[in-house]
Amino acid sequence: MQNLIDISALDKQEISKLLKLATQFKTDQNNFIHDDIYPDKTVGSLFFEPSTRTKLSFQVATKNLGARFIDIHYSETSLQKGESIEDTIEAISLMGIDVLIIRHQDEVLKDLAIQFPNIKFINAGEGTSSHPTQALTDYMTMSEFSTNPDNLDISIVGDLDHSIVAASFIALLKIVGFKRLRLAGLPELCKNYQNNNFEYFDNLNEALRDSELIMALRIQNERLNKELSIKHTEYISRYQITLDSLRFANKDFLLFHPGPVNWGIELEKTIANIKNCKITNQVINGVAIRMAILSNIFSS
């Protein structure tokens, strides 16, 4: 693997190999193997948008592998003085950074990878539709708790249009397989998914009926350019996933959320304590899968 920019660039066999490697980096106690395998490698992190789980999991993953991690703070770079991203990365490339992890509000990585072939790039969230490492994290969690992760009845609920998770997750499902995929949410937040290619529901209970995997998404308020047409309380009453609405799902359903969770909005707080909720497992697996991605890229 030279770069990881788009989940669609991977095939099912490559995804399976990454999951197998990620599993080897985990211990039975849901901790991680620490081994200085790559002491000669340097990883840079350049995030143009805030992040907790993705950024920190890459940092932990890098250090678990014995590599050096340099957090390049956007606010402290010459980008703030008007320097182009290309000039910034050219300077970074001359300083010996092997891998650059980028989160950006626009789709820039494909062009950067062509322009700077001496650096390997990892997409940590790009534009409004691309987050491949999160998709791999979610698939690892699916595989951990389902005997048949490639044949699940899946529901994705929330702000689909502005989520950097949804599109990559759907693209991954098209690679690995699924039984059924339903999408649900406020219509004005799901405009890109109301067509013949997707099974879209305005009614939450119908979207959850017999579902085996439920992925909840938060409203991306920072990406909205206008207020929603309904009040906050109405959104909660129509689209919040609650213990009551989960009665419609399969009794062995898995509940995911990529985080951060707005408890009391997209998810009822009591859900955090049920065994079907696997949000903490997603966080744990996020470190393991990013260790696998980095190891694969370092070794290529």
C-alpha atoms as a PDB file:
ATOM      1  CA  MET A   1       0.000   0.000   0.000  1.00  0.00           C
ATOM      2  CA  GLN A   2       1.564   3.282  -1.119  1.00  0.00           C
ATOM      3  CA  ASN A   3      -1.175   5.605   0.141  1.00  0.00           C
ATOM      4  CA  LEU A   4      -4.609   5.287   1.717  1.00  0.00           C
ATOM      5  CA  ILE A   5      -6.768   7.978   0.176  1.00  0.00           C
ATOM      6  CA  ASP A   6      -9.977   6.241  -0.885  1.00  0.00           C
ATOM      7  CA  ILE A   7     -11.511   3.050   0.499  1.00  0.00           C
ATOM      8  CA  SER A   8     -12.543   2.109  -3.049  1.00  0.00           C
ATOM      9  CA  ALA A   9      -8.878   1.592  -3.927  1.00  0.00           C
ATOM     10  CA  LEU A  10      -8.828  -1.531  -1.722  1.00  0.00           C
ATOM     11  CA  ASP A  11     -10.263  -4.919  -2.616  1.00  0.00           C
ATOM     12  CA  LYS A  12     -11.799  -7.434  -0.232  1.00  0.00           C
ATOM     13  CA  GLN A  13      -8.595  -9.456   0.104  1.00  0.00           C
ATOM     14  CA  GLU A  14      -6.564  -6.358   1.010  1.00  0.00           C
ATOM     15  CA  ILE A  15      -9.177  -5.345   3.586  1.00  0.00           C
ATOM     16  CA  SER A  16      -9.136  -8.832   5.108  1.00  0.00           C
ATOM     17  CA  LYS A  17      -5.336  -8.738   5.399  1.00  0.00           C
ATOM     18  CA  LEU A  18      -5.493  -5.372   7.173  1.00  0.00           C
ATOM     19  CA  LEU A  19      -8.068  -6.713   9.633  1.00  0.00           C
ATOM     20  CA  LYS A  20      -5.988  -9.812  10.329  1.00  0.00           C
ATOM     21  CA  LEU A  21      -2.922  -7.673  10.991  1.00  0.00           C
ATOM     22  CA  ALA A  22      -4.902  -5.263  13.198  1.00  0.00           C
ATOM     23  CA  THR A  23      -6.163  -8.207  15.269  1.00  0.00           C
ATOM     24  CA  GLN A  24      -2.571  -9.316  15.838  1.00  0.00           C
ATOM     25  CA  PHE A  25      -1.781  -5.884  17.279  1.00  0.00           C
ATOM     26  CA  LYS A  26      -4.487  -6.297  19.963  1.00  0.00           C
ATOM     27  CA  THR A  27      -4.159  -8.262  23.202  1.00  0.00           C
ATOM     28  CA  ASP A  28      -6.882 -10.340  24.835  1.00  0.00           C
ATOM     29  CA  GLN A  29      -7.405  -7.493  27.308  1.00  0.00           C
ATOM     30  CA  ASN A  30      -8.288  -5.019  24.524  1.00  0.00           C
ATOM     31  CA  ASN A  31      -4.886  -3.407  24.794  1.00  0.00           C
ATOM     32  CA  PHE A  32      -2.195  -3.097  22.154  1.00  0.00           C
ATOM     33  CA  ILE A  33       1.123  -4.679  21.329  1.00  0.00           C
ATOM     34  CA  HIS A  34       4.064  -2.301  21.805  1.00  0.00           C
ATOM     35  CA  ASP A  35       7.031  -3.140  19.605  1.00  0.00           C
ATOM     36  CA  ASP A  36       9.677  -0.794  18.201  1.00  0.00           C
ATOM     37  CA  ILE A  37       9.354  -2.247  14.698  1.00  0.00           C
ATOM     38  CA  TYR A  38       9.871   1.014  12.798  1.00  0.00           C
ATOM     39  CA  PRO A  39      12.243   3.266  14.777  1.00  0.00           C
ATOM     40  CA  ASP A  40      13.557   4.792  11.542  1.00  0.00           C
ATOM     41  CA  LYS A  41      10.114   6.045  10.380  1.00  0.00           C
ATOM     42  CA  THR A  42       8.606   9.496  10.948  1.00  0.00           C
ATOM     43  CA  VAL A  43       4.894  10.251  10.735  1.00  0.00           C
ATOM     44  CA  GLY A  44       3.508  13.760  10.379  1.00  0.00           C
ATOM     45  CA  SER A  45      -0.035  14.815  11.248  1.00  0.00           C
ATOM     46  CA  LEU A  46      -1.638  17.889   9.642  1.00  0.00           C
ATOM     47  CA  PHE A  47      -5.276  18.436  10.589  1.00  0.00           C
ATOM     48  CA  PHE A  48      -7.177  21.399   9.164  1.00  0.00           C
ATOM     49  CA  GLU A  49     -10.246  20.444  11.201  1.00  0.00           C
ATOM     50  CA  PRO A  50     -10.604  19.383  14.851  1.00  0.00           C
ATOM     51  CA  SER A  51     -10.409  15.695  15.715  1.00  0.00           C
ATOM     52  CA  THR A  52     -10.057  13.622  18.868  1.00  0.00           C
ATOM     53  CA  ARG A  53     -10.380   9.904  18.076  1.00  0.00           C
ATOM     54  CA  THR A  54      -8.780   9.834  14.635  1.00  0.00           C
ATOM     55  CA  LYS A  55      -5.853  12.081  15.485  1.00  0.00           C
ATOM     56  CA  LEU A  56      -5.020  10.537  18.859  1.00  0.00           C
ATOM     57  CA  SER A  57      -5.447   6.968  17.609  1.00  0.00           C
ATOM     58  CA  PHE A  58      -2.914   7.648  14.848  1.00  0.00           C
ATOM     59  CA  GLN A  59      -0.549   9.129  17.407  1.00  0.00           C
ATOM     60  CA  VAL A  60      -0.900   6.128  19.717  1.00  0.00           C
ATOM     61  CA  ALA A  61      -0.609   3.715  16.789  1.00  0.00           C
ATOM     62  CA  THR A  62       2.579   5.395  15.573  1.00  0.00           C
ATOM     63  CA  LYS A  63       4.230   5.264  18.994  1.00  0.00           C
ATOM     64  CA  ASN A  64       3.122   1.647  19.529  1.00  0.00           C
ATOM     65  CA  LEU A  65       5.106   0.780  16.390  1.00  0.00           C
ATOM     66  CA  GLY A  66       8.200   2.636  17.597  1.00  0.00           C
ATOM     67  CA  ALA A  67       8.019   5.372  14.968  1.00  0.00           C
ATOM     68  CA  ARG A  68       8.298   9.130  15.593  1.00  0.00           C
ATOM     69  CA  PHE A  69       5.129  11.235  15.534  1.00  0.00           C
ATOM     70  CA  ILE A  70       5.181  14.943  14.704  1.00  0.00           C
ATOM     71  CA  ASP A  71       1.951  16.856  15.229  1.00  0.00           C
ATOM     72  CA  ILE A  72       2.009  19.781  12.806  1.00  0.00           C
ATOM     73  CA  HIS A  73      -0.459  22.295  14.210  1.00  0.00           C
ATOM     74  CA  TYR A  74      -2.226  24.090  11.373  1.00  0.00           C
ATOM     75  CA  SER A  75      -2.612  27.254  13.459  1.00  0.00           C
ATOM     76  CA  GLU A  76       1.165  27.424  13.949  1.00  0.00           C
ATOM     77  CA  THR A  77       2.207  26.937  10.313  1.00  0.00           C
ATOM     78  CA  SER A  78       2.844  29.451   7.544  1.00  0.00           C
ATOM     79  CA  LEU A  79      -0.475  28.378   6.052  1.00  0.00           C
ATOM     80  CA  GLN A  80      -1.852  31.043   8.380  1.00  0.00           C
ATOM     81  CA  LYS A  81       0.348  33.563   6.567  1.00  0.00           C
ATOM     82  CA  GLY A  82      -1.011  32.640   3.169  1.00  0.00           C
ATOM     83  CA  GLU A  83       1.425  29.897   2.192  1.00  0.00           C
ATOM     84  CA  SER A  84      -0.112  27.269  -0.102  1.00  0.00           C
ATOM     85  CA  ILE A  85      -0.617  23.718   1.115  1.00  0.00           C
ATOM     86  CA  GLU A  86       1.696  22.575  -1.681  1.00  0.00           C
ATOM     87  CA  ASP A  87       4.571  24.770  -0.453  1.00  0.00           C
ATOM     88  CA  THR A  88       3.972  23.631   3.119  1.00  0.00           C
ATOM     89  CA  ILE A  89       4.101  19.948   2.167  1.00  0.00           C
ATOM     90  CA  GLU A  90       7.164  20.479  -0.006  1.00  0.00           C
ATOM     91  CA  ALA A  91       8.953  21.860   3.066  1.00  0.00           C
ATOM     92  CA  ILE A  92       7.686  18.935   5.157  1.00  0.00           C
ATOM     93  CA  SER A  93       8.940  16.443   2.566  1.00  0.00           C
ATOM     94  CA  LEU A  94      12.442  17.915   2.709  1.00  0.00           C
ATOM     95  CA  MET A  95      12.593  17.350   6.471  1.00  0.00           C
ATOM     96  CA  GLY A  96      12.400  13.559   6.267  1.00  0.00           C
ATOM     97  CA  ILE A  97       8.761  12.796   7.034  1.00  0.00           C
ATOM     98  CA  ASP A  98       7.820   9.419   5.562  1.00  0.00           C
ATOM     99  CA  VAL A  99       4.041   9.436   6.039  1.00  0.00           C
ATOM    100  CA  LEU A 100       1.716  12.433   6.264  1.00  0.00           C
ATOM    101  CA  ILE A 101      -1.740  12.036   7.778  1.00  0.00           C
ATOM    102  CA  ILE A 102      -4.103  14.786   6.615  1.00  0.00           C
ATOM    103  CA  ARG A 103      -7.615  15.879   7.496  1.00  0.00           C
ATOM    104  CA  HIS A 104      -8.944  18.608   5.222  1.00  0.00           C
ATOM    105  CA  GLN A 105     -12.303  20.199   4.517  1.00  0.00           C
ATOM    106  CA  ASP A 106     -11.712  19.841   0.760  1.00  0.00           C
ATOM    107  CA  GLU A 107     -10.653  16.948  -1.450  1.00  0.00           C
ATOM    108  CA  VAL A 108      -6.928  17.609  -1.910  1.00  0.00           C
ATOM    109  CA  LEU A 109      -5.141  14.321  -1.283  1.00  0.00           C
ATOM    110  CA  LYS A 110      -5.190  12.748  -4.744  1.00  0.00           C
ATOM    111  CA  ASP A 111      -3.464  15.769  -6.259  1.00  0.00           C
ATOM    112  CA  LEU A 112      -0.974  15.978  -3.395  1.00  0.00           C
ATOM    113  CA  ALA A 113      -0.069  12.290  -3.733  1.00  0.00           C
ATOM    114  CA  ILE A 114       0.708  12.834  -7.428  1.00  0.00           C
ATOM    115  CA  GLN A 115       2.708  15.997  -6.761  1.00  0.00           C
ATOM    116  CA  PHE A 116       4.733  14.524  -3.870  1.00  0.00           C
ATOM    117  CA  PRO A 117       5.452  10.853  -4.634  1.00  0.00           C
ATOM    118  CA  ASN A 118       8.262  10.745  -2.041  1.00  0.00           C
ATOM    119  CA  ILE A 119       5.695  11.095   0.789  1.00  0.00           C
ATOM    120  CA  LYS A 120       3.016   8.529   1.559  1.00  0.00           C
ATOM    121  CA  PHE A 121      -0.377  10.010   2.414  1.00  0.00           C
ATOM    122  CA  ILE A 122      -3.174   8.782   4.662  1.00  0.00           C
ATOM    123  CA  ASN A 123      -6.645  10.291   4.481  1.00  0.00           C
ATOM    124  CA  ALA A 124      -7.890  11.081   7.999  1.00  0.00           C
ATOM    125  CA  GLY A 125     -11.122  12.637   6.751  1.00  0.00           C
ATOM    126  CA  GLU A 126     -11.502  14.663   3.587  1.00  0.00           C
ATOM    127  CA  GLY A 127     -14.285  16.832   2.215  1.00  0.00           C
ATOM    128  CA  THR A 128     -17.737  15.683   3.316  1.00  0.00           C
ATOM    129  CA  SER A 129     -17.581  12.137   2.047  1.00  0.00           C
ATOM    130  CA  SER A 130     -14.300  10.365   2.712  1.00  0.00           C
ATOM    131  CA  HIS A 131     -12.946   8.744   5.868  1.00  0.00           C
ATOM    132  CA  PRO A 132     -11.418   5.375   4.885  1.00  0.00           C
ATOM    133  CA  THR A 133      -9.689   4.560   8.189  1.00  0.00           C
ATOM    134  CA  GLN A 134     -12.988   4.959  10.053  1.00  0.00           C
ATOM    135  CA  ALA A 135     -14.699   2.624   7.586  1.00  0.00           C
ATOM    136  CA  LEU A 136     -12.003   0.006   8.208  1.00  0.00           C
ATOM    137  CA  THR A 137     -12.370   0.514  11.962  1.00  0.00           C
ATOM    138  CA  ASP A 138     -16.111  -0.080  11.703  1.00  0.00           C
ATOM    139  CA  TYR A 139     -15.644  -3.198   9.594  1.00  0.00           C
ATOM    140  CA  MET A 140     -13.163  -4.575  12.108  1.00  0.00           C
ATOM    141  CA  THR A 141     -15.735  -4.037  14.853  1.00  0.00           C
ATOM    142  CA  MET A 142     -18.433  -5.688  12.732  1.00  0.00           C
ATOM    143  CA  SER A 143     -16.160  -8.688  12.192  1.00  0.00           C
ATOM    144  CA  GLU A 144     -15.416  -8.908  15.906  1.00  0.00           C
ATOM    145  CA  PHE A 145     -19.046  -9.189  16.964  1.00  0.00           C
ATOM    146  CA  SER A 146     -20.751 -10.822  13.968  1.00  0.00           C
ATOM    147  CA  THR A 147     -20.191 -14.325  12.617  1.00  0.00           C
ATOM    148  CA  ASN A 148     -21.222 -13.117   9.161  1.00  0.00           C
ATOM    149  CA  PRO A 149     -20.222  -9.436   8.824  1.00  0.00           C
ATOM    150  CA  ASP A 150     -20.568  -9.505   5.028  1.00  0.00           C
ATOM    151  CA  ASN A 151     -24.275 -10.373   5.101  1.00  0.00           C
ATOM    152  CA  LEU A 152     -25.858  -7.964   7.568  1.00  0.00           C
ATOM    153  CA  ASP A 153     -29.069  -5.963   7.479  1.00  0.00           C
ATOM    154  CA  ILE A 154     -27.674  -2.457   8.078  1.00  0.00           C
ATOM    155  CA  SER A 155     -29.281   0.898   8.923  1.00  0.00           C
ATOM    156  CA  ILE A 156     -27.478   4.256   8.859  1.00  0.00           C
ATOM    157  CA  VAL A 157     -29.327   7.075  10.632  1.00  0.00           C
ATOM    158  CA  GLY A 158     -28.571  10.801  10.815  1.00  0.00           C
ATOM    159  CA  ASP A 159     -26.963  13.599   8.835  1.00  0.00           C
ATOM    160  CA  LEU A 160     -25.856  11.611   5.806  1.00  0.00           C
ATOM    161  CA  ASP A 161     -25.112  14.521   3.478  1.00  0.00           C
ATOM    162  CA  HIS A 162     -22.463  16.108   5.691  1.00  0.00           C
ATOM    163  CA  SER A 163     -20.938  13.022   7.290  1.00  0.00           C
ATOM    164  CA  ILE A 164     -17.358  12.142   6.341  1.00  0.00           C
ATOM    165  CA  VAL A 165     -18.116   8.638   7.601  1.00  0.00           C
ATOM    166  CA  ALA A 166     -21.250   7.645   5.672  1.00  0.00           C
ATOM    167  CA  ALA A 167     -19.950   7.588   2.100  1.00  0.00           C
ATOM    168  CA  SER A 168     -16.763   5.666   2.953  1.00  0.00           C
ATOM    169  CA  PHE A 169     -18.733   3.168   5.035  1.00  0.00           C
ATOM    170  CA  ILE A 170     -21.189   2.600   2.180  1.00  0.00           C
ATOM    171  CA  ALA A 171     -18.289   2.239  -0.275  1.00  0.00           C
ATOM    172  CA  LEU A 172     -16.735  -0.377   2.013  1.00  0.00           C
ATOM    173  CA  LEU A 173     -20.024  -2.285   2.227  1.00  0.00           C
ATOM    174  CA  LYS A 174     -20.119  -2.462  -1.561  1.00  0.00           C
ATOM    175  CA  ILE A 175     -16.700  -4.140  -1.452  1.00  0.00           C
ATOM    176  CA  VAL A 176     -17.231  -6.615   1.394  1.00  0.00           C
ATOM    177  CA  GLY A 177     -20.964  -7.250   0.911  1.00  0.00           C
ATOM    178  CA  PHE A 178     -24.204  -6.767   2.844  1.00  0.00           C
ATOM    179  CA  LYS A 179     -27.708  -8.189   2.950  1.00  0.00           C
ATOM    180  CA  ARG A 180     -29.668  -4.954   3.058  1.00  0.00           C
ATOM    181  CA  LEU A 181     -28.825  -1.281   3.507  1.00  0.00           C
ATOM    182  CA  ARG A 182     -31.341   1.292   4.725  1.00  0.00           C
ATOM    183  CA  LEU A 183     -30.684   4.993   5.209  1.00  0.00           C
ATOM    184  CA  ALA A 184     -32.762   7.283   7.400  1.00  0.00           C
ATOM    185  CA  GLY A 185     -32.815  10.861   8.567  1.00  0.00           C
ATOM    186  CA  LEU A 186     -34.346  14.280   8.158  1.00  0.00           C
ATOM    187  CA  PRO A 187     -34.943  14.679   4.396  1.00  0.00           C
ATOM    188  CA  GLU A 188     -33.046  17.969   4.141  1.00  0.00           C
ATOM    189  CA  LEU A 189     -29.969  16.229   5.623  1.00  0.00           C
ATOM    190  CA  CYS A 190     -30.213  13.248   3.270  1.00  0.00           C
ATOM    191  CA  LYS A 191     -30.785  14.859  -0.129  1.00  0.00           C
ATOM    192  CA  ASN A 192     -27.940  12.945  -1.761  1.00  0.00           C
ATOM    193  CA  TYR A 193     -29.447   9.617  -0.703  1.00  0.00           C
ATOM    194  CA  GLN A 194     -33.041   9.990  -1.825  1.00  0.00           C
ATOM    195  CA  ASN A 195     -32.824   8.273  -5.185  1.00  0.00           C
ATOM    196  CA  ASN A 196     -33.247   4.848  -6.729  1.00  0.00           C
ATOM    197  CA  ASN A 197     -29.743   3.752  -5.749  1.00  0.00           C
ATOM    198  CA  PHE A 198     -30.527   3.880  -2.032  1.00  0.00           C
ATOM    199  CA  GLU A 199     -33.289   2.606   0.224  1.00  0.00           C
ATOM    200  CA  TYR A 200     -34.168   5.792   2.113  1.00  0.00           C
ATOM    201  CA  PHE A 201     -36.673   6.125   4.982  1.00  0.00           C
ATOM    202  CA  ASP A 202     -38.102   9.204   6.645  1.00  0.00           C
ATOM    203  CA  ASN A 203     -39.576   6.995   9.387  1.00  0.00           C
ATOM    204  CA  LEU A 204     -37.027   5.830  11.960  1.00  0.00           C
ATOM    205  CA  ASN A 205     -38.885   2.746  13.164  1.00  0.00           C
ATOM    206  CA  GLU A 206     -39.237   1.418   9.624  1.00  0.00           C
ATOM    207  CA  ALA A 207     -35.549   2.005   9.022  1.00  0.00           C
ATOM    208  CA  LEU A 208     -34.652   0.016  12.138  1.00  0.00           C
ATOM    209  CA  ARG A 209     -37.058  -2.898  11.634  1.00  0.00           C
ATOM    210  CA  ASP A 210     -35.065  -6.173  11.873  1.00  0.00           C
ATOM    211  CA  SER A 211     -31.786  -4.271  11.507  1.00  0.00           C
ATOM    212  CA  GLU A 212     -28.674  -6.154  12.628  1.00  0.00           C
ATOM    213  CA  LEU A 213     -26.270  -3.205  12.564  1.00  0.00           C
ATOM    214  CA  ILE A 214     -27.261   0.394  13.276  1.00  0.00           C
ATOM    215  CA  MET A 215     -24.846   3.224  12.560  1.00  0.00           C
ATOM    216  CA  ALA A 216     -25.879   6.541  14.140  1.00  0.00           C
ATOM    217  CA  LEU A 217     -24.459   9.828  12.847  1.00  0.00           C
ATOM    218  CA  ARG A 218     -24.483  13.245  14.483  1.00  0.00           C
ATOM    219  CA  ILE A 219     -25.741  16.443  12.862  1.00  0.00           C
ATOM    220  CA  GLN A 220     -22.674  18.150  11.410  1.00  0.00           C
ATOM    221  CA  ASN A 221     -23.585  21.636  12.614  1.00  0.00           C
ATOM    222  CA  GLU A 222     -20.191  23.021  11.589  1.00  0.00           C
ATOM    223  CA  ARG A 223     -20.925  22.111   7.955  1.00  0.00           C
ATOM    224  CA  LEU A 224     -24.484  23.428   7.727  1.00  0.00           C
ATOM    225  CA  ASN A 225     -24.963  26.719   5.900  1.00  0.00           C
ATOM    226  CA  LYS A 226     -28.466  27.314   7.231  1.00  0.00           C
ATOM    227  CA  GLU A 227     -30.673  26.310  10.139  1.00  0.00           C
ATOM    228  CA  LEU A 228     -32.809  23.185   9.967  1.00  0.00           C
ATOM    229  CA  SER A 229     -36.465  23.579   9.078  1.00  0.00           C
ATOM    230  CA  ILE A 230     -37.635  21.840  12.265  1.00  0.00           C
ATOM    231  CA  LYS A 231     -37.049  22.602  15.923  1.00  0.00           C
ATOM    232  CA  HIS A 232     -34.485  20.797  18.029  1.00  0.00           C
ATOM    233  CA  THR A 233     -37.180  19.006  20.038  1.00  0.00           C
ATOM    234  CA  GLU A 234     -38.942  17.764  16.909  1.00  0.00           C
ATOM    235  CA  TYR A 235     -35.711  16.379  15.483  1.00  0.00           C
ATOM    236  CA  ILE A 236     -35.157  14.437  18.708  1.00  0.00           C
ATOM    237  CA  SER A 237     -38.703  13.077  18.740  1.00  0.00           C
ATOM    238  CA  ARG A 238     -38.448  11.892  15.135  1.00  0.00           C
ATOM    239  CA  TYR A 239     -34.867  10.697  14.776  1.00  0.00           C
ATOM    240  CA  GLN A 240     -33.314  10.030  18.173  1.00  0.00           C
ATOM    241  CA  ILE A 241     -32.496   6.347  18.581  1.00  0.00           C
ATOM    242  CA  THR A 242     -33.959   5.226  21.905  1.00  0.00           C
ATOM    243  CA  LEU A 243     -34.437   1.998  23.796  1.00  0.00           C
ATOM    244  CA  ASP A 244     -38.029   2.110  22.615  1.00  0.00           C
ATOM    245  CA  SER A 245     -37.178   2.474  18.907  1.00  0.00           C
ATOM    246  CA  LEU A 246     -34.558  -0.269  19.200  1.00  0.00           C
ATOM    247  CA  ARG A 247     -37.369  -2.738  19.919  1.00  0.00           C
ATOM    248  CA  PHE A 248     -37.902  -2.798  16.157  1.00  0.00           C
ATOM    249  CA  ALA A 249     -34.331  -3.981  15.497  1.00  0.00           C
ATOM    250  CA  ASN A 250     -33.049  -7.537  15.479  1.00  0.00           C
ATOM    251  CA  LYS A 251     -32.647  -8.758  19.076  1.00  0.00           C
ATOM    252  CA  ASP A 252     -28.879  -9.187  18.548  1.00  0.00           C
ATOM    253  CA  PHE A 253     -28.344  -5.813  16.852  1.00  0.00           C
ATOM    254  CA  LEU A 254     -25.036  -3.957  17.043  1.00  0.00           C
ATOM    255  CA  LEU A 255     -25.081  -0.193  17.618  1.00  0.00           C
ATOM    256  CA  PHE A 256     -22.238   1.948  16.250  1.00  0.00           C
ATOM    257  CA  HIS A 257     -21.399   5.642  16.289  1.00  0.00           C
ATOM    258  CA  PRO A 258     -18.127   7.092  14.908  1.00  0.00           C
ATOM    259  CA  GLY A 259     -18.097   9.840  17.555  1.00  0.00           C
ATOM    260  CA  PRO A 260     -18.272  12.335  18.951  1.00  0.00           C
ATOM    261  CA  VAL A 261     -21.722  11.372  20.264  1.00  0.00           C
ATOM    262  CA  ASN A 262     -24.208  14.092  21.138  1.00  0.00           C
ATOM    263  CA  TRP A 263     -25.942  12.092  23.868  1.00  0.00           C
ATOM    264  CA  GLY A 264     -29.558  13.136  24.174  1.00  0.00           C
ATOM    265  CA  ILE A 265     -29.776  14.118  20.501  1.00  0.00           C
ATOM    266  CA  GLU A 266     -28.951  11.268  18.116  1.00  0.00           C
ATOM    267  CA  LEU A 267     -28.766   8.678  20.898  1.00  0.00           C
ATOM    268  CA  GLU A 268     -30.660   8.328  24.149  1.00  0.00           C
ATOM    269  CA  LYS A 269     -28.125   8.373  26.997  1.00  0.00           C
ATOM    270  CA  THR A 270     -29.293   5.072  28.520  1.00  0.00           C
ATOM    271  CA  ILE A 271     -28.171   3.257  25.359  1.00  0.00           C
ATOM    272  CA  ALA A 272     -24.532   3.687  26.373  1.00  0.00           C
ATOM    273  CA  ASN A 273     -24.948   0.969  28.984  1.00  0.00           C
ATOM    274  CA  ILE A 274     -26.497  -1.810  26.882  1.00  0.00           C
ATOM    275  CA  LYS A 275     -24.375  -4.719  25.663  1.00  0.00           C
ATOM    276  CA  ASN A 276     -25.383  -4.098  22.031  1.00  0.00           C
ATOM    277  CA  CYS A 277     -23.662  -0.690  22.070  1.00  0.00           C
ATOM    278  CA  LYS A 278     -20.164  -1.122  20.614  1.00  0.00           C
ATOM    279  CA  ILE A 279     -18.995   2.504  20.495  1.00  0.00           C
ATOM    280  CA  THR A 280     -16.125   1.915  22.927  1.00  0.00           C
ATOM    281  CA  ASN A 281     -15.001  -1.067  20.847  1.00  0.00           C
ATOM    282  CA  GLN A 282     -14.858   1.171  17.790  1.00  0.00           C
ATOM    283  CA  VAL A 283     -12.473   3.483  19.636  1.00  0.00           C
ATOM    284  CA  ILE A 284     -10.242   0.569  20.665  1.00  0.00           C
ATOM    285  CA  ASN A 285     -10.232  -0.937  17.189  1.00  0.00           C
ATOM    286  CA  GLY A 286      -9.398   2.474  15.741  1.00  0.00           C
ATOM    287  CA  VAL A 287      -5.912   2.210  17.232  1.00  0.00           C
ATOM    288  CA  ALA A 288      -5.388  -1.380  16.059  1.00  0.00           C
ATOM    289  CA  ILE A 289      -6.533  -0.763  12.481  1.00  0.00           C
ATOM    290  CA  ARG A 290      -4.352   2.346  12.208  1.00  0.00           C
ATOM    291  CA  MET A 291      -1.385   0.344  13.470  1.00  0.00           C
ATOM    292  CA  ALA A 292      -2.094  -2.119  10.663  1.00  0.00           C
ATOM    293  CA  ILE A 293      -2.391   0.656   8.043  1.00  0.00           C
ATOM    294  CA  LEU A 294       0.847   2.316   9.145  1.00  0.00           C
ATOM    295  CA  SER A 295       2.686  -1.012   9.264  1.00  0.00           C
ATOM    296  CA  ASN A 296       1.473  -1.877   5.778  1.00  0.00           C
ATOM    297  CA  ILE A 297       2.572   1.472   4.397  1.00  0.00           C
ATOM    298  CA  PHE A 298       5.944   1.411   6.201  1.00  0.00           C
ATOM    299  CA  SER A 299       6.640  -2.042   4.771  1.00  0.00           C
ATOM    300  CA  SER A 300       5.695  -1.287   1.167  1.00  0.00           C
END
